[in-house]
Each structure stands twice: as structure tokens, then as C-alpha cells.
PDB file of N, CA and C in Angstrom:
ATOM      1  N   MET A   1      92.338 103.538 103.904  1.00  0.00           N
ATOM      2  CA  MET A   1      92.341 104.452 102.789  1.00  0.00           C
ATOM      3  C   MET A   1      91.072 105.294 102.829  1.00  0.00           C
ATOM      4  N   GLN A   2      91.228 106.572 102.542  1.00  0.00           N
ATOM      5  CA  GLN A   2      90.097 107.486 102.403  1.00  0.00           C
ATOM      6  C   GLN A   2      90.186 108.148 101.034  1.00  0.00           C
ATOM      7  N   VAL A   3      89.040 108.373 100.420  1.00  0.00           N
ATOM      8  CA  VAL A   3      88.983 109.028  99.120  1.00  0.00           C
ATOM      9  C   VAL A   3      88.000 110.188  99.212  1.00  0.00           C
ATOM     10  N   THR A   4      88.450 111.354  98.757  1.00  0.00           N
ATOM     11  CA  THR A   4      87.613 112.551  98.747  1.00  0.00           C
ATOM     12  C   THR A   4      87.532 113.066  97.316  1.00  0.00           C
ATOM     13  N   LEU A   5      86.317 113.284  96.830  1.00  0.00           N
ATOM     14  CA  LEU A   5      86.107 113.822  95.495  1.00  0.00           C
ATOM     15  C   LEU A   5      85.626 115.258  95.601  1.00  0.00           C
ATOM     16  N   THR A   6      86.251 116.136  94.812  1.00  0.00           N
ATOM     17  CA  THR A   6      85.865 117.540  94.765  1.00  0.00           C
ATOM     18  C   THR A   6      85.780 117.957  93.310  1.00  0.00           C
ATOM     19  N   GLU A   7      84.648 118.522  92.924  1.00  0.00           N
ATOM     20  CA  GLU A   7      84.473 118.962  91.545  1.00  0.00           C
ATOM     21  C   GLU A   7      84.904 120.416  91.401  1.00  0.00           C
ATOM     22  N   HIS A   8      85.698 120.669  90.359  1.00  0.00           N
ATOM     23  CA  HIS A   8      86.168 122.018  90.018  1.00  0.00           C
ATOM     24  C   HIS A   8      85.900 122.227  88.540  1.00  0.00           C
ATOM     25  N   ASP A   9      85.131 123.222  88.202  1.00  0.00           N
ATOM     26  CA  ASP A   9      84.847 123.538  86.801  1.00  0.00           C
ATOM     27  C   ASP A   9      84.744 122.266  85.947  1.00  0.00           C
ATOM     28  N   THR A  10      85.776 122.014  85.147  1.00  0.00           N
ATOM     29  CA  THR A  10      85.728 120.872  84.225  1.00  0.00           C
ATOM     30  C   THR A  10      86.513 119.659  84.716  1.00  0.00           C
ATOM     31  N   THR A  11      87.085 119.743  85.908  1.00  0.00           N
ATOM     32  CA  THR A  11      87.865 118.619  86.428  1.00  0.00           C
ATOM     33  C   THR A  11      87.296 118.115  87.749  1.00  0.00           C
ATOM     34  N   THR A  12      87.637 116.880  88.054  1.00  0.00           N
ATOM     35  CA  THR A  12      87.301 116.292  89.351  1.00  0.00           C
ATOM     36  C   THR A  12      88.607 115.936  90.040  1.00  0.00           C
ATOM     37  N   LEU A  13      88.787 116.457  91.247  1.00  0.00           N
ATOM     38  CA  LEU A  13      89.960 116.137  92.051  1.00  0.00           C
ATOM     39  C   LEU A  13      89.618 114.952  92.942  1.00  0.00           C
ATOM     40  N   ILE A  14      90.451 113.927  92.875  1.00  0.00           N
ATOM     41  CA  ILE A  14      90.285 112.742  93.704  1.00  0.00           C
ATOM     42  C   ILE A  14      91.499 112.653  94.616  1.00  0.00           C
ATOM     43  N   LYS A  15      91.298 112.927  95.889  1.00  0.00           N
ATOM     44  CA  LYS A  15      92.394 112.880  96.870  1.00  0.00           C
ATOM     45  C   LYS A  15      92.326 111.559  97.609  1.00  0.00           C
ATOM     46  N   ILE A  16      93.429 110.838  97.574  1.00  0.00           N
ATOM     47  CA  ILE A  16      93.532 109.550  98.248  1.00  0.00           C
ATOM     48  C   ILE A  16      94.440 109.716  99.453  1.00  0.00           C
ATOM     49  N   THR A  17      94.022 109.176 100.582  1.00  0.00           N
ATOM     50  CA  THR A  17      94.818 109.229 101.804  1.00  0.00           C
ATOM     51  C   THR A  17      95.016 107.820 102.324  1.00  0.00           C
ATOM     52  N   GLY A  18      96.267 107.456 102.609  1.00  0.00           N
ATOM     53  CA  GLY A  18      96.568 106.138 103.161  1.00  0.00           C
ATOM     54  C   GLY A  18      97.180 105.206 102.133  1.00  0.00           C
ATOM     55  N   SER A  19      97.106 103.927 102.406  1.00  0.00           N
ATOM     56  CA  SER A  19      97.662 102.898 101.527  1.00  0.00           C
ATOM     57  C   SER A  19      96.585 102.330 100.624  1.00  0.00           C
ATOM     58  N   VAL A  20      96.982 101.991  99.401  1.00  0.00           N
ATOM     59  CA  VAL A  20      96.073 101.347  98.458  1.00  0.00           C
ATOM     60  C   VAL A  20      96.565  99.913  98.280  1.00  0.00           C
ATOM     61  N   ASP A  21      95.691  98.971  98.602  1.00  0.00           N
ATOM     62  CA  ASP A  21      96.078  97.560  98.498  1.00  0.00           C
ATOM     63  C   ASP A  21      94.883  96.721  98.067  1.00  0.00           C
ATOM     64  N   GLY A  22      95.050  95.428  98.092  1.00  0.00           N
ATOM     65  CA  GLY A  22      94.003  94.514  97.661  1.00  0.00           C
ATOM     66  C   GLY A  22      92.728  94.605  98.475  1.00  0.00           C
ATOM     67  N   LEU A  23      92.828  95.069  99.707  1.00  0.00           N
ATOM     68  CA  LEU A  23      91.644  95.166 100.561  1.00  0.00           C
ATOM     69  C   LEU A  23      90.754  96.356 100.202  1.00  0.00           C
ATOM     70  N   ASN A  24      91.323  97.395  99.615  1.00  0.00           N
ATOM     71  CA  ASN A  24      90.523  98.576  99.333  1.00  0.00           C
ATOM     72  C   ASN A  24      90.558  99.033  97.875  1.00  0.00           C
ATOM     73  N   ALA A  25      91.212  98.287  97.007  1.00  0.00           N
ATOM     74  CA  ALA A  25      91.310  98.676  95.595  1.00  0.00           C
ATOM     75  C   ALA A  25      89.945  98.730  94.920  1.00  0.00           C
ATOM     76  N   GLU A  26      89.045  97.843  95.303  1.00  0.00           N
ATOM     77  CA  GLU A  26      87.703  97.855  94.716  1.00  0.00           C
ATOM     78  C   GLU A  26      86.970  99.147  95.076  1.00  0.00           C
ATOM     79  N   ALA A  27      87.123  99.603  96.308  1.00  0.00           N
ATOM     80  CA  ALA A  27      86.511 100.875  96.724  1.00  0.00           C
ATOM     81  C   ALA A  27      87.111 102.035  95.934  1.00  0.00           C
ATOM     82  N   LEU A  28      88.399 101.972  95.672  1.00  0.00           N
ATOM     83  CA  LEU A  28      89.044 103.015  94.874  1.00  0.00           C
ATOM     84  C   LEU A  28      88.491 103.001  93.450  1.00  0.00           C
ATOM     85  N   SER A  29      88.328 101.821  92.879  1.00  0.00           N
ATOM     86  CA  SER A  29      87.753 101.710  91.530  1.00  0.00           C
ATOM     87  C   SER A  29      86.367 102.341  91.481  1.00  0.00           C
ATOM     88  N   SER A  30      85.579 102.102  92.506  1.00  0.00           N
ATOM     89  CA  SER A  30      84.237 102.700  92.576  1.00  0.00           C
ATOM     90  C   SER A  30      84.310 104.219  92.666  1.00  0.00           C
ATOM     91  N   SER A  31      85.297 104.719  93.399  1.00  0.00           N
ATOM     92  CA  SER A  31      85.474 106.165  93.519  1.00  0.00           C
ATOM     93  C   SER A  31      85.844 106.797  92.178  1.00  0.00           C
ATOM     94  N   PHE A  32      86.629 106.094  91.383  1.00  0.00           N
ATOM     95  CA  PHE A  32      86.973 106.575  90.049  1.00  0.00           C
ATOM     96  C   PHE A  32      85.763 106.499  89.124  1.00  0.00           C
ATOM     97  N   ALA A  33      84.998 105.427  89.236  1.00  0.00           N
ATOM     98  CA  ALA A  33      83.874 105.190  88.326  1.00  0.00           C
ATOM     99  C   ALA A  33      82.743 106.201  88.505  1.00  0.00           C
ATOM    100  N   ALA A  34      82.539 106.688  89.709  1.00  0.00           N
ATOM    101  CA  ALA A  34      81.410 107.588  89.981  1.00  0.00           C
ATOM    102  C   ALA A  34      81.436 108.857  89.119  1.00  0.00           C
ATOM    103  N   PRO A  35      82.509 109.635  89.120  1.00  0.00           N
ATOM    104  CA  PRO A  35      82.487 110.837  88.275  1.00  0.00           C
ATOM    105  C   PRO A  35      82.470 110.502  86.781  1.00  0.00           C
ATOM    106  N   ILE A  36      83.154 109.431  86.391  1.00  0.00           N
ATOM    107  CA  ILE A  36      83.184 109.051  84.975  1.00  0.00           C
ATOM    108  C   ILE A  36      81.772 108.720  84.498  1.00  0.00           C
ATOM    109  N   ALA A  37      80.995 108.036  85.324  1.00  0.00           N
ATOM    110  CA  ALA A  37      79.617 107.692  84.972  1.00  0.00           C
ATOM    111  C   ALA A  37      78.758 108.939  84.787  1.00  0.00           C
ATOM    112  N   GLN A  38      79.148 110.039  85.436  1.00  0.00           N
ATOM    113  CA  GLN A  38      78.420 111.307  85.321  1.00  0.00           C
ATOM    114  C   GLN A  38      78.960 112.173  84.186  1.00  0.00           C
ATOM    115  N   GLY A  39      79.908 111.623  83.417  1.00  0.00           N
ATOM    116  CA  GLY A  39      80.481 112.375  82.308  1.00  0.00           C
ATOM    117  C   GLY A  39      81.619 113.279  82.694  1.00  0.00           C
ATOM    118  N   ARG A  40      82.057 113.199  83.936  1.00  0.00           N
ATOM    119  CA  ARG A  40      83.190 114.003  84.411  1.00  0.00           C
ATOM    120  C   ARG A  40      84.457 113.171  84.211  1.00  0.00           C
ATOM    121  N   VAL A  41      85.058 113.316  83.028  1.00  0.00           N
ATOM    122  CA  VAL A  41      86.146 112.428  82.624  1.00  0.00           C
ATOM    123  C   VAL A  41      87.530 113.072  82.694  1.00  0.00           C
ATOM    124  N   ARG A  42      87.607 114.277  83.199  1.00  0.00           N
ATOM    125  CA  ARG A  42      88.901 114.931  83.426  1.00  0.00           C
ATOM    126  C   ARG A  42      89.213 114.785  84.910  1.00  0.00           C
ATOM    127  N   LEU A  43      90.083 113.832  85.208  1.00  0.00           N
ATOM    128  CA  LEU A  43      90.372 113.489  86.598  1.00  0.00           C
ATOM    129  C   LEU A  43      91.795 113.875  86.974  1.00  0.00           C
ATOM    130  N   VAL A  44      91.935 114.471  88.150  1.00  0.00           N
ATOM    131  CA  VAL A  44      93.243 114.732  88.751  1.00  0.00           C
ATOM    132  C   VAL A  44      93.272 113.948  90.052  1.00  0.00           C
ATOM    133  N   VAL A  45      94.245 113.050  90.172  1.00  0.00           N
ATOM    134  CA  VAL A  45      94.351 112.207  91.365  1.00  0.00           C
ATOM    135  C   VAL A  45      95.514 112.707  92.217  1.00  0.00           C
ATOM    136  N   ASP A  46      95.192 113.159  93.417  1.00  0.00           N
ATOM    137  CA  ASP A  46      96.180 113.690  94.364  1.00  0.00           C
ATOM    138  C   ASP A  46      96.724 112.538  95.200  1.00  0.00           C
ATOM    139  N   PHE A  47      97.985 112.196  94.966  1.00  0.00           N
ATOM    140  CA  PHE A  47      98.649 111.101  95.674  1.00  0.00           C
ATOM    141  C   PHE A  47      99.538 111.599  96.810  1.00  0.00           C
ATOM    142  N   SER A  48      99.420 112.859  97.193  1.00  0.00           N
ATOM    143  CA  SER A  48     100.333 113.425  98.194  1.00  0.00           C
ATOM    144  C   SER A  48     100.268 112.703  99.537  1.00  0.00           C
ATOM    145  N   SER A  49      99.148 112.059  99.841  1.00  0.00           N
ATOM    146  CA  SER A  49      98.992 111.366 101.125  1.00  0.00           C
ATOM    147  C   SER A  49      98.939 109.853 100.981  1.00  0.00           C
ATOM    148  N   VAL A  50      99.439 109.347  99.850  1.00  0.00           N
ATOM    149  CA  VAL A  50      99.498 107.895  99.630  1.00  0.00           C
ATOM    150  C   VAL A  50     100.935 107.447  99.852  1.00  0.00           C
ATOM    151  N   ASN A  51     101.125 106.525 100.792  1.00  0.00           N
ATOM    152  CA  ASN A  51     102.474 106.057 101.099  1.00  0.00           C
ATOM    153  C   ASN A  51     102.784 104.672 100.537  1.00  0.00           C
ATOM    154  N   TYR A  52     101.754 104.005  99.964  1.00  0.00           N
ATOM    155  CA  TYR A  52     101.967 102.663  99.424  1.00  0.00           C
ATOM    156  C   TYR A  52     100.845 102.326  98.449  1.00  0.00           C
ATOM    157  N   THR A  53     101.184 101.672  97.367  1.00  0.00           N
ATOM    158  CA  THR A  53     100.171 101.094  96.483  1.00  0.00           C
ATOM    159  C   THR A  53     100.649  99.729  96.023  1.00  0.00           C
ATOM    160  N   SER A  54      99.725  98.787  95.999  1.00  0.00           N
ATOM    161  CA  SER A  54     100.021  97.440  95.529  1.00  0.00           C
ATOM    162  C   SER A  54      99.632  97.334  94.058  1.00  0.00           C
ATOM    163  N   SER A  55      99.837  96.167  93.487  1.00  0.00           N
ATOM    164  CA  SER A  55      99.437  95.942  92.097  1.00  0.00           C
ATOM    165  C   SER A  55      97.925  96.079  91.935  1.00  0.00           C
ATOM    166  N   ALA A  56      97.162  95.769  92.970  1.00  0.00           N
ATOM    167  CA  ALA A  56      95.703  95.948  92.907  1.00  0.00           C
ATOM    168  C   ALA A  56      95.356  97.425  92.741  1.00  0.00           C
ATOM    169  N   GLY A  57      96.080  98.287  93.417  1.00  0.00           N
ATOM    170  CA  GLY A  57      95.877  99.721  93.260  1.00  0.00           C
ATOM    171  C   GLY A  57      96.244 100.194  91.864  1.00  0.00           C
ATOM    172  N   LEU A  58      97.298  99.617  91.314  1.00  0.00           N
ATOM    173  CA  LEU A  58      97.708  99.967  89.951  1.00  0.00           C
ATOM    174  C   LEU A  58      96.648  99.546  88.942  1.00  0.00           C
ATOM    175  N   ARG A  59      96.043  98.383  89.137  1.00  0.00           N
ATOM    176  CA  ARG A  59      94.969  97.924  88.245  1.00  0.00           C
ATOM    177  C   ARG A  59      93.776  98.874  88.310  1.00  0.00           C
ATOM    178  N   SER A  60      93.447  99.314  89.501  1.00  0.00           N
ATOM    179  CA  SER A  60      92.353 100.263  89.677  1.00  0.00           C
ATOM    180  C   SER A  60      92.650 101.570  88.940  1.00  0.00           C
ATOM    181  N   LEU A  61      93.852 102.044  89.077  1.00  0.00           N
ATOM    182  CA  LEU A  61      94.276 103.268  88.413  1.00  0.00           C
ATOM    183  C   LEU A  61      94.238 103.109  86.896  1.00  0.00           C
ATOM    184  N   LEU A  62      94.732 102.003  86.388  1.00  0.00           N
ATOM    185  CA  LEU A  62      94.740 101.754  84.954  1.00  0.00           C
ATOM    186  C   LEU A  62      93.320 101.691  84.394  1.00  0.00           C
ATOM    187  N   GLY A  63      92.421 101.056  85.127  1.00  0.00           N
ATOM    188  CA  GLY A  63      91.023 101.004  84.696  1.00  0.00           C
ATOM    189  C   GLY A  63      90.422 102.393  84.583  1.00  0.00           C
ATOM    190  N   ALA A  64      90.739 103.260  85.532  1.00  0.00           N
ATOM    191  CA  ALA A  64      90.223 104.632  85.514  1.00  0.00           C
ATOM    192  C   ALA A  64      90.808 105.425  84.349  1.00  0.00           C
ATOM    193  N   VAL A  65      92.085 105.206  84.059  1.00  0.00           N
ATOM    194  CA  VAL A  65      92.710 105.874  82.907  1.00  0.00           C
ATOM    195  C   VAL A  65      91.979 105.476  81.630  1.00  0.00           C
ATOM    196  N   LYS A  66      91.776 104.189  81.444  1.00  0.00           N
ATOM    197  CA  LYS A  66      91.100 103.698  80.232  1.00  0.00           C
ATOM    198  C   LYS A  66      89.679 104.231  80.130  1.00  0.00           C
ATOM    199  N   ASP A  67      88.941 104.187  81.234  1.00  0.00           N
ATOM    200  CA  ASP A  67      87.546 104.644  81.217  1.00  0.00           C
ATOM    201  C   ASP A  67      87.440 106.145  80.949  1.00  0.00           C
ATOM    202  N   SER A  68      88.321 106.933  81.562  1.00  0.00           N
ATOM    203  CA  SER A  68      88.265 108.379  81.342  1.00  0.00           C
ATOM    204  C   SER A  68      88.632 108.719  79.899  1.00  0.00           C
ATOM    205  N   ARG A  69      89.614 108.039  79.348  1.00  0.00           N
ATOM    206  CA  ARG A  69      90.008 108.303  77.960  1.00  0.00           C
ATOM    207  C   ARG A  69      88.919 107.849  76.986  1.00  0.00           C
ATOM    208  N   ARG A  70      88.285 106.755  77.294  1.00  0.00           N
ATOM    209  CA  ARG A  70      87.182 106.265  76.455  1.00  0.00           C
ATOM    210  C   ARG A  70      86.060 107.305  76.392  1.00  0.00           C
ATOM    211  N   GLY A  71      85.890 108.061  77.479  1.00  0.00           N
ATOM    212  CA  GLY A  71      84.874 109.104  77.536  1.00  0.00           C
ATOM    213  C   GLY A  71      85.329 110.441  76.984  1.00  0.00           C
ATOM    214  N   GLY A  72      86.548 110.503  76.459  1.00  0.00           N
ATOM    215  CA  GLY A  72      87.063 111.738  75.881  1.00  0.00           C
ATOM    216  C   GLY A  72      87.870 112.594  76.838  1.00  0.00           C
ATOM    217  N   GLY A  73      88.180 112.070  78.010  1.00  0.00           N
ATOM    218  CA  GLY A  73      88.955 112.814  78.992  1.00  0.00           C
ATOM    219  C   GLY A  73      90.314 112.192  79.230  1.00  0.00           C
ATOM    220  N   ASP A  74      90.799 112.351  80.438  1.00  0.00           N
ATOM    221  CA  ASP A  74      92.084 111.777  80.811  1.00  0.00           C
ATOM    222  C   ASP A  74      92.216 111.808  82.329  1.00  0.00           C
ATOM    223  N   LEU A  75      93.209 111.118  82.818  1.00  0.00           N
ATOM    224  CA  LEU A  75      93.521 111.089  84.244  1.00  0.00           C
ATOM    225  C   LEU A  75      94.955 111.559  84.405  1.00  0.00           C
ATOM    226  N   ARG A  76      95.164 112.501  85.314  1.00  0.00           N
ATOM    227  CA  ARG A  76      96.495 113.032  85.613  1.00  0.00           C
ATOM    228  C   ARG A  76      96.791 112.742  87.075  1.00  0.00           C
ATOM    229  N   ILE A  77      98.038 112.438  87.362  1.00  0.00           N
ATOM    230  CA  ILE A  77      98.462 112.134  88.729  1.00  0.00           C
ATOM    231  C   ILE A  77      99.287 113.301  89.258  1.00  0.00           C
ATOM    232  N   ALA A  78      99.038 113.664  90.519  1.00  0.00           N
ATOM    233  CA  ALA A  78      99.756 114.778  91.130  1.00  0.00           C
ATOM    234  C   ALA A  78     100.374 114.377  92.459  1.00  0.00           C
ATOM    235  N   ALA A  79     101.541 114.951  92.739  1.00  0.00           N
ATOM    236  CA  ALA A  79     102.172 114.930  94.062  1.00  0.00           C
ATOM    237  C   ALA A  79     102.482 113.531  94.588  1.00  0.00           C
ATOM    238  N   LEU A  80     103.173 112.754  93.780  1.00  0.00           N
ATOM    239  CA  LEU A  80     103.544 111.402  94.212  1.00  0.00           C
ATOM    240  C   LEU A  80     104.632 111.419  95.283  1.00  0.00           C
ATOM    241  N   GLN A  81     104.498 110.560  96.274  1.00  0.00           N
ATOM    242  CA  GLN A  81     105.573 110.308  97.231  1.00  0.00           C
ATOM    243  C   GLN A  81     106.658 109.518  96.487  1.00  0.00           C
ATOM    244  N   PRO A  82     107.933 109.696  96.812  1.00  0.00           N
ATOM    245  CA  PRO A  82     109.010 109.022  96.071  1.00  0.00           C
ATOM    246  C   PRO A  82     108.853 107.497  95.993  1.00  0.00           C
ATOM    247  N   GLN A  83     108.448 106.853  97.098  1.00  0.00           N
ATOM    248  CA  GLN A  83     108.335 105.399  97.078  1.00  0.00           C
ATOM    249  C   GLN A  83     107.183 104.934  96.184  1.00  0.00           C
ATOM    250  N   VAL A  84     106.122 105.706  96.076  1.00  0.00           N
ATOM    251  CA  VAL A  84     104.996 105.363  95.200  1.00  0.00           C
ATOM    252  C   VAL A  84     105.374 105.664  93.749  1.00  0.00           C
ATOM    253  N   GLU A  85     106.107 106.734  93.543  1.00  0.00           N
ATOM    254  CA  GLU A  85     106.562 107.065  92.187  1.00  0.00           C
ATOM    255  C   GLU A  85     107.454 105.949  91.634  1.00  0.00           C
ATOM    256  N   ARG A  86     108.292 105.361  92.481  1.00  0.00           N
ATOM    257  CA  ARG A  86     109.142 104.246  92.050  1.00  0.00           C
ATOM    258  C   ARG A  86     108.303 103.062  91.589  1.00  0.00           C
ATOM    259  N   VAL A  87     107.251 102.753  92.342  1.00  0.00           N
ATOM    260  CA  VAL A  87     106.373 101.638  91.982  1.00  0.00           C
ATOM    261  C   VAL A  87     105.712 101.916  90.632  1.00  0.00           C
ATOM    262  N   LEU A  88     105.213 103.129  90.440  1.00  0.00           N
ATOM    263  CA  LEU A  88     104.576 103.478  89.166  1.00  0.00           C
ATOM    264  C   LEU A  88     105.574 103.431  88.017  1.00  0.00           C
ATOM    265  N   ALA A  89     106.793 103.873  88.258  1.00  0.00           N
ATOM    266  CA  ALA A  89     107.820 103.840  87.218  1.00  0.00           C
ATOM    267  C   ALA A  89     108.178 102.400  86.849  1.00  0.00           C
ATOM    268  N   LEU A  90     108.358 101.555  87.851  1.00  0.00           N
ATOM    269  CA  LEU A  90     108.683 100.153  87.584  1.00  0.00           C
ATOM    270  C   LEU A  90     107.575  99.435  86.823  1.00  0.00           C
ATOM    271  N   ALA A  91     106.329  99.840  87.077  1.00  0.00           N
ATOM    272  CA  ALA A  91     105.184  99.212  86.415  1.00  0.00           C
ATOM    273  C   ALA A  91     104.907  99.831  85.035  1.00  0.00           C
ATOM    274  N   GLY A  92     105.653 100.855  84.664  1.00  0.00           N
ATOM    275  CA  GLY A  92     105.487 101.471  83.356  1.00  0.00           C
ATOM    276  C   GLY A  92     104.432 102.557  83.281  1.00  0.00           C
ATOM    277  N   PHE A  93     103.908 102.989  84.409  1.00  0.00           N
ATOM    278  CA  PHE A  93     102.852 104.001  84.410  1.00  0.00           C
ATOM    279  C   PHE A  93     103.351 105.374  83.985  1.00  0.00           C
ATOM    280  N   THR A  94     104.642 105.640  84.157  1.00  0.00           N
ATOM    281  CA  THR A  94     105.159 106.957  83.803  1.00  0.00           C
ATOM    282  C   THR A  94     105.101 107.181  82.288  1.00  0.00           C
ATOM    283  N   GLY A  95     104.972 106.117  81.517  1.00  0.00           N
ATOM    284  CA  GLY A  95     104.809 106.246  80.077  1.00  0.00           C
ATOM    285  C   GLY A  95     103.356 106.272  79.644  1.00  0.00           C
ATOM    286  N   ILE A  96     102.456 106.009  80.559  1.00  0.00           N
ATOM    287  CA  ILE A  96     101.027 105.931  80.247  1.00  0.00           C
ATOM    288  C   ILE A  96     100.272 107.158  80.743  1.00  0.00           C
ATOM    289  N   VAL A  97     100.636 107.635  81.930  1.00  0.00           N
ATOM    290  CA  VAL A  97      99.895 108.701  82.607  1.00  0.00           C
ATOM    291  C   VAL A  97     100.819 109.893  82.820  1.00  0.00           C
ATOM    292  N   GLN A  98     100.274 111.091  82.631  1.00  0.00           N
ATOM    293  CA  GLN A  98     101.045 112.292  82.922  1.00  0.00           C
ATOM    294  C   GLN A  98     101.093 112.513  84.432  1.00  0.00           C
ATOM    295  N   ILE A  99     102.299 112.788  84.931  1.00  0.00           N
ATOM    296  CA  ILE A  99     102.518 112.986  86.362  1.00  0.00           C
ATOM    297  C   ILE A  99     103.014 114.414  86.580  1.00  0.00           C
ATOM    298  N   PHE A 100     102.432 115.068  87.584  1.00  0.00           N
ATOM    299  CA  PHE A 100     102.753 116.463  87.875  1.00  0.00           C
ATOM    300  C   PHE A 100     103.209 116.610  89.321  1.00  0.00           C
ATOM    301  N   ALA A 101     103.982 117.657  89.572  1.00  0.00           N
ATOM    302  CA  ALA A 101     104.524 117.894  90.910  1.00  0.00           C
ATOM    303  C   ALA A 101     103.442 118.232  91.923  1.00  0.00           C
ATOM    304  N   ASP A 102     102.372 118.896  91.464  1.00  0.00           N
ATOM    305  CA  ASP A 102     101.311 119.280  92.398  1.00  0.00           C
ATOM    306  C   ASP A 102      99.951 119.305  91.698  1.00  0.00           C
ATOM    307  N   VAL A 103      98.917 119.441  92.497  1.00  0.00           N
ATOM    308  CA  VAL A 103      97.541 119.420  91.988  1.00  0.00           C
ATOM    309  C   VAL A 103      97.294 120.598  91.048  1.00  0.00           C
ATOM    310  N   GLN A 104      97.823 121.769  91.366  1.00  0.00           N
ATOM    311  CA  GLN A 104      97.601 122.943  90.547  1.00  0.00           C
ATOM    312  C   GLN A 104      98.133 122.734  89.128  1.00  0.00           C
ATOM    313  N   ALA A 105      99.331 122.182  89.012  1.00  0.00           N
ATOM    314  CA  ALA A 105      99.914 121.942  87.688  1.00  0.00           C
ATOM    315  C   ALA A 105      99.117 120.900  86.918  1.00  0.00           C
ATOM    316  N   ALA A 106      98.683 119.852  87.603  1.00  0.00           N
ATOM    317  CA  ALA A 106      97.895 118.813  86.949  1.00  0.00           C
ATOM    318  C   ALA A 106      96.574 119.365  86.446  1.00  0.00           C
ATOM    319  N   THR A 107      95.915 120.173  87.270  1.00  0.00           N
ATOM    320  CA  THR A 107      94.639 120.770  86.880  1.00  0.00           C
ATOM    321  C   THR A 107      94.843 121.740  85.718  1.00  0.00           C
ATOM    322  N   ALA A 108      95.875 122.557  85.787  1.00  0.00           N
ATOM    323  CA  ALA A 108      96.153 123.532  84.726  1.00  0.00           C
ATOM    324  C   ALA A 108      96.461 122.846  83.403  1.00  0.00           C
ATOM    325  N   SER A 109      97.000 121.636  83.437  1.00  0.00           N
ATOM    326  CA  SER A 109      97.355 120.933  82.203  1.00  0.00           C
ATOM    327  C   SER A 109      96.139 120.639  81.339  1.00  0.00           C
ATOM    328  N   PHE A 110      94.955 120.590  81.928  1.00  0.00           N
ATOM    329  CA  PHE A 110      93.742 120.361  81.152  1.00  0.00           C
ATOM    330  C   PHE A 110      93.322 121.618  80.386  1.00  0.00           C
ATOM    331  N   GLN A 111      93.830 122.773  80.781  1.00  0.00           N
ATOM    332  CA  GLN A 111      93.465 124.023  80.133  1.00  0.00           C
ATOM    333  C   GLN A 111      94.315 124.287  78.898  1.00  0.00           C
ATOM    334  N   SER A 112      95.446 123.583  78.759  1.00  0.00           N
ATOM    335  CA  SER A 112      96.344 123.832  77.618  1.00  0.00           C
ATOM    336  C   SER A 112      95.882 123.127  76.378  1.00  0.00           C
TER     337      SER A 112
END
């Protein structure tokens, strides 16, 4: 798994590449925590290059959602692969987190 953070105006784009599992979920949590600790609580997570996530990845994601909201922001998910979207739907994430077709739509949603 690789994680790339890019700051844009009032949002932080977090692009994840590869699989998210128990071996790297802690690193993902740290990647989420870094911008939140700096007060950058509007997060857009690009899942376009994620082909698998385990429950450990879901826990990491949920922690980031809670932390960003606690800071007055939110986390939006963009560009899910169908198999990852199924996992998020089964786990109930589609009722917790806003999901967008692409990064542009997710980023624009913070402006509304």
C-alpha cells in the first residue's frame, strides 16, 4: 500500500494505492492522523487504486471519520472500485460516509 497526501486550498486529498489490510492499516491511520493534527479536517480519500480492504482498513477509515468530524470537518470517499464499494456497503459505511464518483465531485462537495 502507498499513501500520497496533497493539500488543496481547504481540503487534503489522500490517495491510497494497493490493498489495505491488517499489515498496513496502522500506517494508513497515521496517514489520516497527520493532516487532522495540523487542523486540516476536510479530507477526500481517493480509492480509485484500492482493490481490497479488510476490516482493519475499515477501522482505520472509521477512526479518521470520527477524528475529522470532531475537528469540525469531514471525510469524503471518492472513486471506489466495485468490490471495495461492496465491502463498505456491507459494513454500513454507505450510511456513515458520503461517497462520490470521482475526486472532483468529492472536493466540490465541501464548497456547498
